[in-house]
Amino acid sequence: MTNRYTLSTTSLAASNAQLRWNIDTTSKQEPLNLLNGRVELRGWLLAEGERSPRIAIKNDYATYSYPFNVKRPDVIAAILQQPEDNHPRLSCGFMINVPFSSKITLGLESDGLITWLTELNFSPA
């Protein structure tokens, strides 16, 4: 079963030199199509000085933690203005399929602590 939703975001933290991110899901054409009760979230996050950062996702069901799983040479070149070849933070992107809920919160997990960054709110289209 496919449902269609529009998406709005609310920032919970300010982007700065130490912590920068973007949720690419919002830049795709709307309305979003959800399939089998799941939504795919895509984006990137750069956290200065963090060892082994992970992406945290909270919805109505649980809080999840995922490793960054997408190489983003475009982010390294554009944001850090450094050569992307073998850059230590090249894998700063994520593409994650999670159970859908009308509100999903994304954050940075590091050393067991989560900093919540943005809230995604889905409304029926």
PDB file of N, CA and C in Angstrom:
ATOM      1  N   MET A   1       0.838  -1.180   0.000  1.00  0.00           N
ATOM      2  CA  MET A   1       0.000   0.000   0.000  1.00  0.00           C
ATOM      3  C   MET A   1       0.888   1.251   0.000  1.00  0.00           C
ATOM      4  N   THR A   2       0.587   2.192  -0.864  1.00  0.00           N
ATOM      5  CA  THR A   2       1.360   3.425  -0.969  1.00  0.00           C
ATOM      6  C   THR A   2       0.516   4.595  -0.477  1.00  0.00           C
ATOM      7  N   ASN A   3       1.100   5.416   0.396  1.00  0.00           N
ATOM      8  CA  ASN A   3       0.459   6.636   0.872  1.00  0.00           C
ATOM      9  C   ASN A   3       1.335   7.806   0.475  1.00  0.00           C
ATOM     10  N   ARG A   4       0.705   8.988   0.293  1.00  0.00           N
ATOM     11  CA  ARG A   4       1.443  10.182  -0.123  1.00  0.00           C
ATOM     12  C   ARG A   4       1.393  11.215   0.997  1.00  0.00           C
ATOM     13  N   TYR A   5       2.583  11.810   1.258  1.00  0.00           N
ATOM     14  CA  TYR A   5       2.702  12.790   2.333  1.00  0.00           C
ATOM     15  C   TYR A   5       3.552  13.970   1.877  1.00  0.00           C
ATOM     16  N   THR A   6       3.262  15.126   2.452  1.00  0.00           N
ATOM     17  CA  THR A   6       4.154  16.269   2.296  1.00  0.00           C
ATOM     18  C   THR A   6       5.008  16.342   3.566  1.00  0.00           C
ATOM     19  N   LEU A   7       6.141  16.982   3.443  1.00  0.00           N
ATOM     20  CA  LEU A   7       7.115  16.996   4.528  1.00  0.00           C
ATOM     21  C   LEU A   7       7.508  18.424   4.866  1.00  0.00           C
ATOM     22  N   SER A   8       7.522  18.742   6.160  1.00  0.00           N
ATOM     23  CA  SER A   8       8.063  20.010   6.637  1.00  0.00           C
ATOM     24  C   SER A   8       9.092  19.684   7.720  1.00  0.00           C
ATOM     25  N   THR A   9      10.046  20.596   7.911  1.00  0.00           N
ATOM     26  CA  THR A   9      11.095  20.358   8.897  1.00  0.00           C
ATOM     27  C   THR A   9      11.135  21.486   9.920  1.00  0.00           C
ATOM     28  N   THR A  10      11.560  21.130  11.119  1.00  0.00           N
ATOM     29  CA  THR A  10      11.773  22.091  12.193  1.00  0.00           C
ATOM     30  C   THR A  10      13.176  21.867  12.731  1.00  0.00           C
ATOM     31  N   SER A  11      13.996  22.907  12.718  1.00  0.00           N
ATOM     32  CA  SER A  11      15.360  22.790  13.232  1.00  0.00           C
ATOM     33  C   SER A  11      15.338  22.806  14.759  1.00  0.00           C
ATOM     34  N   LEU A  12      16.084  21.887  15.366  1.00  0.00           N
ATOM     35  CA  LEU A  12      16.181  21.815  16.820  1.00  0.00           C
ATOM     36  C   LEU A  12      17.531  22.303  17.331  1.00  0.00           C
ATOM     37  N   ALA A  13      18.479  22.485  16.417  1.00  0.00           N
ATOM     38  CA  ALA A  13      19.821  22.970  16.768  1.00  0.00           C
ATOM     39  C   ALA A  13      20.336  23.809  15.604  1.00  0.00           C
ATOM     40  N   ALA A  14      21.228  24.721  15.898  1.00  0.00           N
ATOM     41  CA  ALA A  14      21.792  25.579  14.865  1.00  0.00           C
ATOM     42  C   ALA A  14      23.019  24.917  14.244  1.00  0.00           C
ATOM     43  N   SER A  15      23.097  24.993  12.929  1.00  0.00           N
ATOM     44  CA  SER A  15      24.287  24.519  12.227  1.00  0.00           C
ATOM     45  C   SER A  15      25.417  25.518  12.482  1.00  0.00           C
ATOM     46  N   ASN A  16      26.636  24.992  12.709  1.00  0.00           N
ATOM     47  CA  ASN A  16      27.780  25.866  12.939  1.00  0.00           C
ATOM     48  C   ASN A  16      29.030  25.197  12.375  1.00  0.00           C
ATOM     49  N   ALA A  17      30.189  25.750  12.624  1.00  0.00           N
ATOM     50  CA  ALA A  17      31.432  25.212  12.059  1.00  0.00           C
ATOM     51  C   ALA A  17      31.734  23.805  12.565  1.00  0.00           C
ATOM     52  N   GLN A  18      31.294  23.461  13.780  1.00  0.00           N
ATOM     53  CA  GLN A  18      31.551  22.136  14.332  1.00  0.00           C
ATOM     54  C   GLN A  18      30.512  21.095  13.916  1.00  0.00           C
ATOM     55  N   LEU A  19      29.319  21.536  13.549  1.00  0.00           N
ATOM     56  CA  LEU A  19      28.230  20.614  13.271  1.00  0.00           C
ATOM     57  C   LEU A  19      27.393  21.144  12.104  1.00  0.00           C
ATOM     58  N   ARG A  20      27.473  20.445  10.977  1.00  0.00           N
ATOM     59  CA  ARG A  20      26.732  20.849   9.781  1.00  0.00           C
ATOM     60  C   ARG A  20      26.012  19.633   9.218  1.00  0.00           C
ATOM     61  N   TRP A  21      24.796  19.838   8.702  1.00  0.00           N
ATOM     62  CA  TRP A  21      24.034  18.727   8.149  1.00  0.00           C
ATOM     63  C   TRP A  21      23.008  19.218   7.142  1.00  0.00           C
ATOM     64  N   ASN A  22      22.481  18.264   6.379  1.00  0.00           N
ATOM     65  CA  ASN A  22      21.385  18.534   5.459  1.00  0.00           C
ATOM     66  C   ASN A  22      20.570  17.258   5.295  1.00  0.00           C
ATOM     67  N   ILE A  23      19.263  17.395   5.289  1.00  0.00           N
ATOM     68  CA  ILE A  23      18.369  16.272   5.036  1.00  0.00           C
ATOM     69  C   ILE A  23      17.948  16.373   3.570  1.00  0.00           C
ATOM     70  N   ASP A  24      18.500  15.502   2.730  1.00  0.00           N
ATOM     71  CA  ASP A  24      18.208  15.542   1.297  1.00  0.00           C
ATOM     72  C   ASP A  24      16.791  15.114   0.985  1.00  0.00           C
ATOM     73  N   THR A  25      16.175  14.337   1.851  1.00  0.00           N
ATOM     74  CA  THR A  25      14.814  13.857   1.631  1.00  0.00           C
ATOM     75  C   THR A  25      13.879  15.022   1.344  1.00  0.00           C
ATOM     76  N   THR A  26      14.083  16.164   2.015  1.00  0.00           N
ATOM     77  CA  THR A  26      13.184  17.305   1.851  1.00  0.00           C
ATOM     78  C   THR A  26      13.349  17.999   0.508  1.00  0.00           C
ATOM     79  N   SER A  27      14.496  17.783  -0.150  1.00  0.00           N
ATOM     80  CA  SER A  27      14.727  18.485  -1.405  1.00  0.00           C
ATOM     81  C   SER A  27      14.183  17.704  -2.602  1.00  0.00           C
ATOM     82  N   LYS A  28      13.667  16.515  -2.372  1.00  0.00           N
ATOM     83  CA  LYS A  28      13.109  15.725  -3.461  1.00  0.00           C
ATOM     84  C   LYS A  28      11.692  16.203  -3.766  1.00  0.00           C
ATOM     85  N   GLN A  29      11.194  15.776  -4.906  1.00  0.00           N
ATOM     86  CA  GLN A  29       9.888  16.245  -5.330  1.00  0.00           C
ATOM     87  C   GLN A  29       8.793  15.753  -4.372  1.00  0.00           C
ATOM     88  N   GLU A  30       7.878  16.635  -4.055  1.00  0.00           N
ATOM     89  CA  GLU A  30       6.769  16.299  -3.166  1.00  0.00           C
ATOM     90  C   GLU A  30       5.545  16.012  -4.001  1.00  0.00           C
ATOM     91  N   PRO A  31       4.566  15.264  -3.537  1.00  0.00           N
ATOM     92  CA  PRO A  31       4.563  14.630  -2.227  1.00  0.00           C
ATOM     93  C   PRO A  31       5.404  13.361  -2.204  1.00  0.00           C
ATOM     94  N   LEU A  32       5.822  12.975  -1.011  1.00  0.00           N
ATOM     95  CA  LEU A  32       6.604  11.759  -0.826  1.00  0.00           C
ATOM     96  C   LEU A  32       5.682  10.550  -0.884  1.00  0.00           C
ATOM     97  N   ASN A  33       6.183   9.478  -1.445  1.00  0.00           N
ATOM     98  CA  ASN A  33       5.446   8.225  -1.466  1.00  0.00           C
ATOM     99  C   ASN A  33       6.048   7.290  -0.431  1.00  0.00           C
ATOM    100  N   LEU A  34       5.203   6.758   0.423  1.00  0.00           N
ATOM    101  CA  LEU A  34       5.642   5.802   1.432  1.00  0.00           C
ATOM    102  C   LEU A  34       5.150   4.428   1.015  1.00  0.00           C
ATOM    103  N   LEU A  35       5.995   3.444   1.174  1.00  0.00           N
ATOM    104  CA  LEU A  35       5.664   2.101   0.749  1.00  0.00           C
ATOM    105  C   LEU A  35       5.770   1.143   1.926  1.00  0.00           C
ATOM    106  N   ASN A  36       4.707   0.387   2.150  1.00  0.00           N
ATOM    107  CA  ASN A  36       4.680  -0.623   3.216  1.00  0.00           C
ATOM    108  C   ASN A  36       5.021  -0.054   4.588  1.00  0.00           C
ATOM    109  N   GLY A  37       4.556   1.154   4.857  1.00  0.00           N
ATOM    110  CA  GLY A  37       4.739   1.731   6.181  1.00  0.00           C
ATOM    111  C   GLY A  37       6.149   2.180   6.507  1.00  0.00           C
ATOM    112  N   ARG A  38       6.993   2.381   5.480  1.00  0.00           N
ATOM    113  CA  ARG A  38       8.389   2.788   5.713  1.00  0.00           C
ATOM    114  C   ARG A  38       8.704   4.034   4.893  1.00  0.00           C
ATOM    115  N   VAL A  39       9.688   4.797   5.367  1.00  0.00           N
ATOM    116  CA  VAL A  39      10.150   5.989   4.676  1.00  0.00           C
ATOM    117  C   VAL A  39      11.670   5.939   4.587  1.00  0.00           C
ATOM    118  N   GLU A  40      12.198   6.390   3.450  1.00  0.00           N
ATOM    119  CA  GLU A  40      13.644   6.448   3.274  1.00  0.00           C
ATOM    120  C   GLU A  40      14.120   7.860   3.584  1.00  0.00           C
ATOM    121  N   LEU A  41      15.083   7.961   4.490  1.00  0.00           N
ATOM    122  CA  LEU A  41      15.675   9.243   4.868  1.00  0.00           C
ATOM    123  C   LEU A  41      17.086   9.307   4.311  1.00  0.00           C
ATOM    124  N   ARG A  42      17.403  10.429   3.644  1.00  0.00           N
ATOM    125  CA  ARG A  42      18.724  10.623   3.041  1.00  0.00           C
ATOM    126  C   ARG A  42      19.263  11.975   3.461  1.00  0.00           C
ATOM    127  N   GLY A  43      20.587  12.038   3.598  1.00  0.00           N
ATOM    128  CA  GLY A  43      21.224  13.310   3.927  1.00  0.00           C
ATOM    129  C   GLY A  43      22.683  13.108   4.277  1.00  0.00           C
ATOM    130  N   TRP A  44      23.252  14.103   4.930  1.00  0.00           N
ATOM    131  CA  TRP A  44      24.650  14.041   5.360  1.00  0.00           C
ATOM    132  C   TRP A  44      24.811  14.838   6.645  1.00  0.00           C
ATOM    133  N   LEU A  45      25.899  14.542   7.359  1.00  0.00           N
ATOM    134  CA  LEU A  45      26.183  15.226   8.603  1.00  0.00           C
ATOM    135  C   LEU A  45      27.692  15.241   8.819  1.00  0.00           C
ATOM    136  N   LEU A  46      28.218  16.404   9.115  1.00  0.00           N
ATOM    137  CA  LEU A  46      29.636  16.567   9.439  1.00  0.00           C
ATOM    138  C   LEU A  46      29.741  17.073  10.868  1.00  0.00           C
ATOM    139  N   ALA A  47      30.452  16.326  11.706  1.00  0.00           N
ATOM    140  CA  ALA A  47      30.641  16.707  13.103  1.00  0.00           C
ATOM    141  C   ALA A  47      32.137  16.773  13.372  1.00  0.00           C
ATOM    142  N   GLU A  48      32.619  17.960  13.634  1.00  0.00           N
ATOM    143  CA  GLU A  48      34.045  18.178  13.897  1.00  0.00           C
ATOM    144  C   GLU A  48      34.444  17.569  15.238  1.00  0.00           C
ATOM    145  N   GLY A  49      35.526  16.786  15.233  1.00  0.00           N
ATOM    146  CA  GLY A  49      36.092  16.265  16.465  1.00  0.00           C
ATOM    147  C   GLY A  49      35.371  15.072  17.070  1.00  0.00           C
ATOM    148  N   GLU A  50      34.359  14.535  16.413  1.00  0.00           N
ATOM    149  CA  GLU A  50      33.638  13.386  16.946  1.00  0.00           C
ATOM    150  C   GLU A  50      34.275  12.096  16.436  1.00  0.00           C
ATOM    151  N   ARG A  51      34.489  11.146  17.342  1.00  0.00           N
ATOM    152  CA  ARG A  51      35.003   9.839  16.947  1.00  0.00           C
ATOM    153  C   ARG A  51      33.819   8.893  16.782  1.00  0.00           C
ATOM    154  N   SER A  52      33.769   8.208  15.668  1.00  0.00           N
ATOM    155  CA  SER A  52      32.721   7.220  15.384  1.00  0.00           C
ATOM    156  C   SER A  52      31.308   7.771  15.558  1.00  0.00           C
ATOM    157  N   PRO A  53      30.990   8.910  14.924  1.00  0.00           N
ATOM    158  CA  PRO A  53      29.623   9.426  15.035  1.00  0.00           C
ATOM    159  C   PRO A  53      28.644   8.500  14.309  1.00  0.00           C
ATOM    160  N   ARG A  54      27.389   8.524  14.742  1.00  0.00           N
ATOM    161  CA  ARG A  54      26.317   7.749  14.128  1.00  0.00           C
ATOM    162  C   ARG A  54      25.106   8.652  13.976  1.00  0.00           C
ATOM    163  N   ILE A  55      24.195   8.262  13.094  1.00  0.00           N
ATOM    164  CA  ILE A  55      22.954   9.009  12.932  1.00  0.00           C
ATOM    165  C   ILE A  55      21.911   8.384  13.855  1.00  0.00           C
ATOM    166  N   ALA A  56      21.218   9.206  14.618  1.00  0.00           N
ATOM    167  CA  ALA A  56      20.157   8.740  15.520  1.00  0.00           C
ATOM    168  C   ALA A  56      18.815   9.146  14.934  1.00  0.00           C
ATOM    169  N   ILE A  57      17.860   8.239  15.007  1.00  0.00           N
ATOM    170  CA  ILE A  57      16.519   8.500  14.491  1.00  0.00           C
ATOM    171  C   ILE A  57      15.505   8.055  15.528  1.00  0.00           C
ATOM    172  N   LYS A  58      14.581   8.954  15.857  1.00  0.00           N
ATOM    173  CA  LYS A  58      13.534   8.653  16.831  1.00  0.00           C
ATOM    174  C   LYS A  58      12.184   8.820  16.135  1.00  0.00           C
ATOM    175  N   ASN A  59      11.317   7.802  16.287  1.00  0.00           N
ATOM    176  CA  ASN A  59       9.951   7.923  15.788  1.00  0.00           C
ATOM    177  C   ASN A  59       9.001   7.465  16.889  1.00  0.00           C
ATOM    178  N   ASP A  60       7.744   7.210  16.537  1.00  0.00           N
ATOM    179  CA  ASP A  60       6.753   6.817  17.539  1.00  0.00           C
ATOM    180  C   ASP A  60       7.062   5.469  18.181  1.00  0.00           C
ATOM    181  N   TYR A  61       7.926   4.687  17.570  1.00  0.00           N
ATOM    182  CA  TYR A  61       8.142   3.315  18.008  1.00  0.00           C
ATOM    183  C   TYR A  61       9.398   3.127  18.851  1.00  0.00           C
ATOM    184  N   ALA A  62      10.477   3.798  18.485  1.00  0.00           N
ATOM    185  CA  ALA A  62      11.754   3.548  19.142  1.00  0.00           C
ATOM    186  C   ALA A  62      12.767   4.610  18.731  1.00  0.00           C
ATOM    187  N   THR A  63      13.953   4.538  19.334  1.00  0.00           N
ATOM    188  CA  THR A  63      15.098   5.334  18.908  1.00  0.00           C
ATOM    189  C   THR A  63      16.103   4.381  18.296  1.00  0.00           C
ATOM    190  N   TYR A  64      16.558   4.705  17.099  1.00  0.00           N
ATOM    191  CA  TYR A  64      17.467   3.849  16.339  1.00  0.00           C
ATOM    192  C   TYR A  64      18.812   4.554  16.186  1.00  0.00           C
ATOM    193  N   SER A  65      19.862   3.769  16.006  1.00  0.00           N
ATOM    194  CA  SER A  65      21.197   4.296  15.767  1.00  0.00           C
ATOM    195  C   SER A  65      21.795   3.576  14.567  1.00  0.00           C
ATOM    196  N   TYR A  66      22.299   4.347  13.602  1.00  0.00           N
ATOM    197  CA  TYR A  66      22.832   3.775  12.368  1.00  0.00           C
ATOM    198  C   TYR A  66      24.206   4.373  12.066  1.00  0.00           C
ATOM    199  N   PRO A  67      25.083   3.567  11.485  1.00  0.00           N
ATOM    200  CA  PRO A  67      26.356   4.129  11.011  1.00  0.00           C
ATOM    201  C   PRO A  67      26.112   4.936   9.738  1.00  0.00           C
ATOM    202  N   PHE A  68      26.985   5.858   9.456  1.00  0.00           N
ATOM    203  CA  PHE A  68      26.916   6.572   8.187  1.00  0.00           C
ATOM    204  C   PHE A  68      27.285   5.567   7.095  1.00  0.00           C
ATOM    205  N   ASN A  69      26.515   5.532   6.004  1.00  0.00           N
ATOM    206  CA  ASN A  69      26.663   4.457   5.026  1.00  0.00           C
ATOM    207  C   ASN A  69      26.757   4.917   3.577  1.00  0.00           C
ATOM    208  N   VAL A  70      26.941   6.216   3.340  1.00  0.00           N
ATOM    209  CA  VAL A  70      27.018   6.728   1.973  1.00  0.00           C
ATOM    210  C   VAL A  70      28.227   7.661   1.856  1.00  0.00           C
ATOM    211  N   LYS A  71      29.054   7.422   0.853  1.00  0.00           N
ATOM    212  CA  LYS A  71      30.174   8.329   0.577  1.00  0.00           C
ATOM    213  C   LYS A  71      29.633   9.578  -0.091  1.00  0.00           C
ATOM    214  N   ARG A  72      30.066  10.744   0.382  1.00  0.00           N
ATOM    215  CA  ARG A  72      29.587  12.022  -0.145  1.00  0.00           C
ATOM    216  C   ARG A  72      30.754  12.928  -0.544  1.00  0.00           C
ATOM    217  N   PRO A  73      31.409  12.624  -1.683  1.00  0.00           N
ATOM    218  CA  PRO A  73      32.503  13.493  -2.134  1.00  0.00           C
ATOM    219  C   PRO A  73      32.024  14.914  -2.413  1.00  0.00           C
ATOM    220  N   ASP A  74      30.757  15.086  -2.803  1.00  0.00           N
ATOM    221  CA  ASP A  74      30.212  16.422  -3.057  1.00  0.00           C
ATOM    222  C   ASP A  74      30.211  17.270  -1.790  1.00  0.00           C
ATOM    223  N   VAL A  75      29.932  16.678  -0.656  1.00  0.00           N
ATOM    224  CA  VAL A  75      29.910  17.404   0.615  1.00  0.00           C
ATOM    225  C   VAL A  75      31.326  17.802   1.029  1.00  0.00           C
ATOM    226  N   ILE A  76      32.275  16.883   0.884  1.00  0.00           N
ATOM    227  CA  ILE A  76      33.670  17.177   1.247  1.00  0.00           C
ATOM    228  C   ILE A  76      34.190  18.340   0.399  1.00  0.00           C
ATOM    229  N   ALA A  77      33.893  18.303  -0.901  1.00  0.00           N
ATOM    230  CA  ALA A  77      34.371  19.359  -1.795  1.00  0.00           C
ATOM    231  C   ALA A  77      33.674  20.694  -1.526  1.00  0.00           C
ATOM    232  N   ALA A  78      32.356  20.682  -1.369  1.00  0.00           N
ATOM    233  CA  ALA A  78      31.594  21.930  -1.247  1.00  0.00           C
ATOM    234  C   ALA A  78      31.646  22.529   0.156  1.00  0.00           C
ATOM    235  N   ILE A  79      31.501  21.715   1.177  1.00  0.00           N
ATOM    236  CA  ILE A  79      31.416  22.232   2.543  1.00  0.00           C
ATOM    237  C   ILE A  79      32.792  22.410   3.172  1.00  0.00           C
ATOM    238  N   LEU A  80      33.627  21.366   3.082  1.00  0.00           N
ATOM    239  CA  LEU A  80      34.957  21.455   3.680  1.00  0.00           C
ATOM    240  C   LEU A  80      35.978  22.074   2.736  1.00  0.00           C
ATOM    241  N   GLN A  81      35.636  22.156   1.449  1.00  0.00           N
ATOM    242  CA  GLN A  81      36.522  22.698   0.417  1.00  0.00           C
ATOM    243  C   GLN A  81      37.885  22.015   0.466  1.00  0.00           C
ATOM    244  N   GLN A  82      37.836  20.683   0.529  1.00  0.00           N
ATOM    245  CA  GLN A  82      39.032  19.855   0.552  1.00  0.00           C
ATOM    246  C   GLN A  82      38.900  18.780  -0.519  1.00  0.00           C
ATOM    247  N   PRO A  83      40.030  18.213  -0.963  1.00  0.00           N
ATOM    248  CA  PRO A  83      39.958  17.119  -1.928  1.00  0.00           C
ATOM    249  C   PRO A  83      39.247  15.922  -1.294  1.00  0.00           C
ATOM    250  N   GLU A  84      38.339  15.336  -2.058  1.00  0.00           N
ATOM    251  CA  GLU A  84      37.547  14.246  -1.494  1.00  0.00           C
ATOM    252  C   GLU A  84      38.253  12.893  -1.529  1.00  0.00           C
ATOM    253  N   ASP A  85      39.335  12.765  -2.305  1.00  0.00           N
ATOM    254  CA  ASP A  85      40.044  11.489  -2.415  1.00  0.00           C
ATOM    255  C   ASP A  85      40.539  11.018  -1.057  1.00  0.00           C
ATOM    256  N   ASN A  86      40.040   9.877  -0.612  1.00  0.00           N
ATOM    257  CA  ASN A  86      40.448   9.250   0.644  1.00  0.00           C
ATOM    258  C   ASN A  86      40.310  10.153   1.866  1.00  0.00           C
ATOM    259  N   HIS A  87      39.414  11.100   1.830  1.00  0.00           N
ATOM    260  CA  HIS A  87      39.197  11.978   2.981  1.00  0.00           C
ATOM    261  C   HIS A  87      38.636  11.146   4.137  1.00  0.00           C
ATOM    262  N   PRO A  88      39.104  11.380   5.381  1.00  0.00           N
ATOM    263  CA  PRO A  88      38.643  10.561   6.508  1.00  0.00           C
ATOM    264  C   PRO A  88      37.146  10.692   6.807  1.00  0.00           C
ATOM    265  N   ARG A  89      36.517  11.760   6.350  1.00  0.00           N
ATOM    266  CA  ARG A  89      35.085  11.945   6.609  1.00  0.00           C
ATOM    267  C   ARG A  89      34.247  11.775   5.345  1.00  0.00           C
ATOM    268  N   LEU A  90      34.796  11.070   4.363  1.00  0.00           N
ATOM    269  CA  LEU A  90      34.103  10.865   3.093  1.00  0.00           C
ATOM    270  C   LEU A  90      32.758  10.173   3.289  1.00  0.00           C
ATOM    271  N   SER A  91      32.673   9.228   4.187  1.00  0.00           N
ATOM    272  CA  SER A  91      31.414   8.512   4.444  1.00  0.00           C
ATOM    273  C   SER A  91      30.574   9.258   5.476  1.00  0.00           C
ATOM    274  N   CYS A  92      30.191  10.479   5.139  1.00  0.00           N
ATOM    275  CA  CYS A  92      29.403  11.317   6.044  1.00  0.00           C
ATOM    276  C   CYS A  92      27.922  11.305   5.700  1.00  0.00           C
ATOM    277  N   GLY A  93      27.545  10.523   4.693  1.00  0.00           N
ATOM    278  CA  GLY A  93      26.157  10.488   4.254  1.00  0.00           C
ATOM    279  C   GLY A  93      25.398   9.303   4.806  1.00  0.00           C
ATOM    280  N   PHE A  94      24.071   9.370   4.684  1.00  0.00           N
ATOM    281  CA  PHE A  94      23.236   8.264   5.121  1.00  0.00           C
ATOM    282  C   PHE A  94      22.037   8.107   4.191  1.00  0.00           C
ATOM    283  N   MET A  95      21.611   6.863   4.046  1.00  0.00           N
ATOM    284  CA  MET A  95      20.379   6.500   3.365  1.00  0.00           C
ATOM    285  C   MET A  95      19.789   5.375   4.202  1.00  0.00           C
ATOM    286  N   ILE A  96      18.704   5.683   4.925  1.00  0.00           N
ATOM    287  CA  ILE A  96      18.161   4.776   5.916  1.00  0.00           C
ATOM    288  C   ILE A  96      16.658   4.627   5.693  1.00  0.00           C
ATOM    289  N   ASN A  97      16.187   3.397   5.736  1.00  0.00           N
ATOM    290  CA  ASN A  97      14.775   3.081   5.583  1.00  0.00           C
ATOM    291  C   ASN A  97      14.233   2.731   6.966  1.00  0.00           C
ATOM    292  N   VAL A  98      13.303   3.542   7.478  1.00  0.00           N
ATOM    293  CA  VAL A  98      12.796   3.347   8.844  1.00  0.00           C
ATOM    294  C   VAL A  98      11.268   3.256   8.839  1.00  0.00           C
ATOM    295  N   PRO A  99      10.704   2.662   9.905  1.00  0.00           N
ATOM    296  CA  PRO A  99       9.242   2.649  10.019  1.00  0.00           C
ATOM    297  C   PRO A  99       8.711   4.080  10.062  1.00  0.00           C
ATOM    298  N   PHE A 100       7.637   4.308   9.338  1.00  0.00           N
ATOM    299  CA  PHE A 100       7.058   5.642   9.233  1.00  0.00           C
ATOM    300  C   PHE A 100       6.279   6.013  10.490  1.00  0.00           C
ATOM    301  N   SER A 101       6.388   7.273  10.877  1.00  0.00           N
ATOM    302  CA  SER A 101       5.472   7.895  11.821  1.00  0.00           C
ATOM    303  C   SER A 101       5.338   9.351  11.397  1.00  0.00           C
ATOM    304  N   SER A 102       4.316  10.039  11.871  1.00  0.00           N
ATOM    305  CA  SER A 102       4.060  11.405  11.402  1.00  0.00           C
ATOM    306  C   SER A 102       5.133  12.390  11.835  1.00  0.00           C
ATOM    307  N   LYS A 103       5.921  12.027  12.872  1.00  0.00           N
ATOM    308  CA  LYS A 103       7.034  12.873  13.311  1.00  0.00           C
ATOM    309  C   LYS A 103       8.258  11.982  13.508  1.00  0.00           C
ATOM    310  N   ILE A 104       9.353  12.341  12.837  1.00  0.00           N
ATOM    311  CA  ILE A 104      10.616  11.628  12.972  1.00  0.00           C
ATOM    312  C   ILE A 104      11.683  12.662  13.309  1.00  0.00           C
ATOM    313  N   THR A 105      12.470  12.377  14.338  1.00  0.00           N
ATOM    314  CA  THR A 105      13.516  13.292  14.771  1.00  0.00           C
ATOM    315  C   THR A 105      14.873  12.683  14.443  1.00  0.00           C
ATOM    316  N   LEU A 106      15.762  13.500  13.862  1.00  0.00           N
ATOM    317  CA  LEU A 106      17.105  13.043  13.502  1.00  0.00           C
ATOM    318  C   LEU A 106      18.135  13.751  14.361  1.00  0.00           C
ATOM    319  N   GLY A 107      19.192  13.012  14.695  1.00  0.00           N
ATOM    320  CA  GLY A 107      20.232  13.597  15.517  1.00  0.00           C
ATOM    321  C   GLY A 107      21.576  12.938  15.308  1.00  0.00           C
ATOM    322  N   LEU A 108      22.550  13.434  16.024  1.00  0.00           N
ATOM    323  CA  LEU A 108      23.915  12.918  16.019  1.00  0.00           C
ATOM    324  C   LEU A 108      24.133  12.157  17.310  1.00  0.00           C
ATOM    325  N   GLU A 109      24.573  10.895  17.179  1.00  0.00           N
ATOM    326  CA  GLU A 109      24.939  10.116  18.353  1.00  0.00           C
ATOM    327  C   GLU A 109      26.454  10.000  18.395  1.00  0.00           C
ATOM    328  N   SER A 110      27.023  10.320  19.543  1.00  0.00           N
ATOM    329  CA  SER A 110      28.464  10.212  19.734  1.00  0.00           C
ATOM    330  C   SER A 110      28.728   9.881  21.190  1.00  0.00           C
ATOM    331  N   ASP A 111      29.516   8.853  21.424  1.00  0.00           N
ATOM    332  CA  ASP A 111      29.846   8.417  22.779  1.00  0.00           C
ATOM    333  C   ASP A 111      28.598   8.168  23.623  1.00  0.00           C
ATOM    334  N   GLY A 112      27.537   7.634  23.010  1.00  0.00           N
ATOM    335  CA  GLY A 112      26.319   7.296  23.731  1.00  0.00           C
ATOM    336  C   GLY A 112      25.390   8.462  23.997  1.00  0.00           C
ATOM    337  N   LEU A 113      25.773   9.670  23.619  1.00  0.00           N
ATOM    338  CA  LEU A 113      24.928  10.853  23.806  1.00  0.00           C
ATOM    339  C   LEU A 113      24.340  11.270  22.469  1.00  0.00           C
ATOM    340  N   ILE A 114      23.087  11.733  22.478  1.00  0.00           N
ATOM    341  CA  ILE A 114      22.424  12.160  21.249  1.00  0.00           C
ATOM    342  C   ILE A 114      22.138  13.651  21.309  1.00  0.00           C
ATOM    343  N   THR A 115      22.522  14.353  20.251  1.00  0.00           N
ATOM    344  CA  THR A 115      22.149  15.751  20.050  1.00  0.00           C
ATOM    345  C   THR A 115      21.093  15.761  18.954  1.00  0.00           C
ATOM    346  N   TRP A 116      19.855  16.117  19.288  1.00  0.00           N
ATOM    347  CA  TRP A 116      18.777  16.132  18.302  1.00  0.00           C
ATOM    348  C   TRP A 116      18.909  17.381  17.447  1.00  0.00           C
ATOM    349  N   LEU A 117      18.853  17.203  16.124  1.00  0.00           N
ATOM    350  CA  LEU A 117      19.146  18.278  15.181  1.00  0.00           C
ATOM    351  C   LEU A 117      17.919  18.822  14.458  1.00  0.00           C
ATOM    352  N   THR A 118      17.066  17.922  13.989  1.00  0.00           N
ATOM    353  CA  THR A 118      15.921  18.382  13.197  1.00  0.00           C
ATOM    354  C   THR A 118      14.753  17.423  13.333  1.00  0.00           C
ATOM    355  N   GLU A 119      13.573  17.968  13.180  1.00  0.00           N
ATOM    356  CA  GLU A 119      12.354  17.191  13.274  1.00  0.00           C
ATOM    357  C   GLU A 119      11.664  17.199  11.919  1.00  0.00           C
ATOM    358  N   LEU A 120      11.281  16.033  11.431  1.00  0.00           N
ATOM    359  CA  LEU A 120      10.560  15.900  10.168  1.00  0.00           C
ATOM    360  C   LEU A 120       9.095  15.637  10.489  1.00  0.00           C
ATOM    361  N   ASN A 121       8.215  16.455   9.939  1.00  0.00           N
ATOM    362  CA  ASN A 121       6.775  16.304  10.175  1.00  0.00           C
ATOM    363  C   ASN A 121       6.095  15.969   8.857  1.00  0.00           C
ATOM    364  N   PHE A 122       5.403  14.843   8.822  1.00  0.00           N
ATOM    365  CA  PHE A 122       4.728  14.365   7.623  1.00  0.00           C
ATOM    366  C   PHE A 122       3.236  14.616   7.747  1.00  0.00           C
ATOM    367  N   SER A 123       2.642  15.206   6.698  1.00  0.00           N
ATOM    368  CA  SER A 123       1.210  15.463   6.652  1.00  0.00           C
ATOM    369  C   SER A 123       0.621  14.790   5.429  1.00  0.00           C
ATOM    370  N   PRO A 124      -0.582  14.202   5.531  1.00  0.00           N
ATOM    371  CA  PRO A 124      -1.191  13.587   4.352  1.00  0.00           C
ATOM    372  C   PRO A 124      -1.331  14.591   3.201  1.00  0.00           C
ATOM    373  N   ALA A 125      -1.000  14.142   1.996  1.00  0.00           N
ATOM    374  CA  ALA A 125      -1.068  15.028   0.818  1.00  0.00           C
ATOM    375  C   ALA A 125      -2.469  15.067   0.267  1.00  0.00           C
TER     376      ALA A 125
END
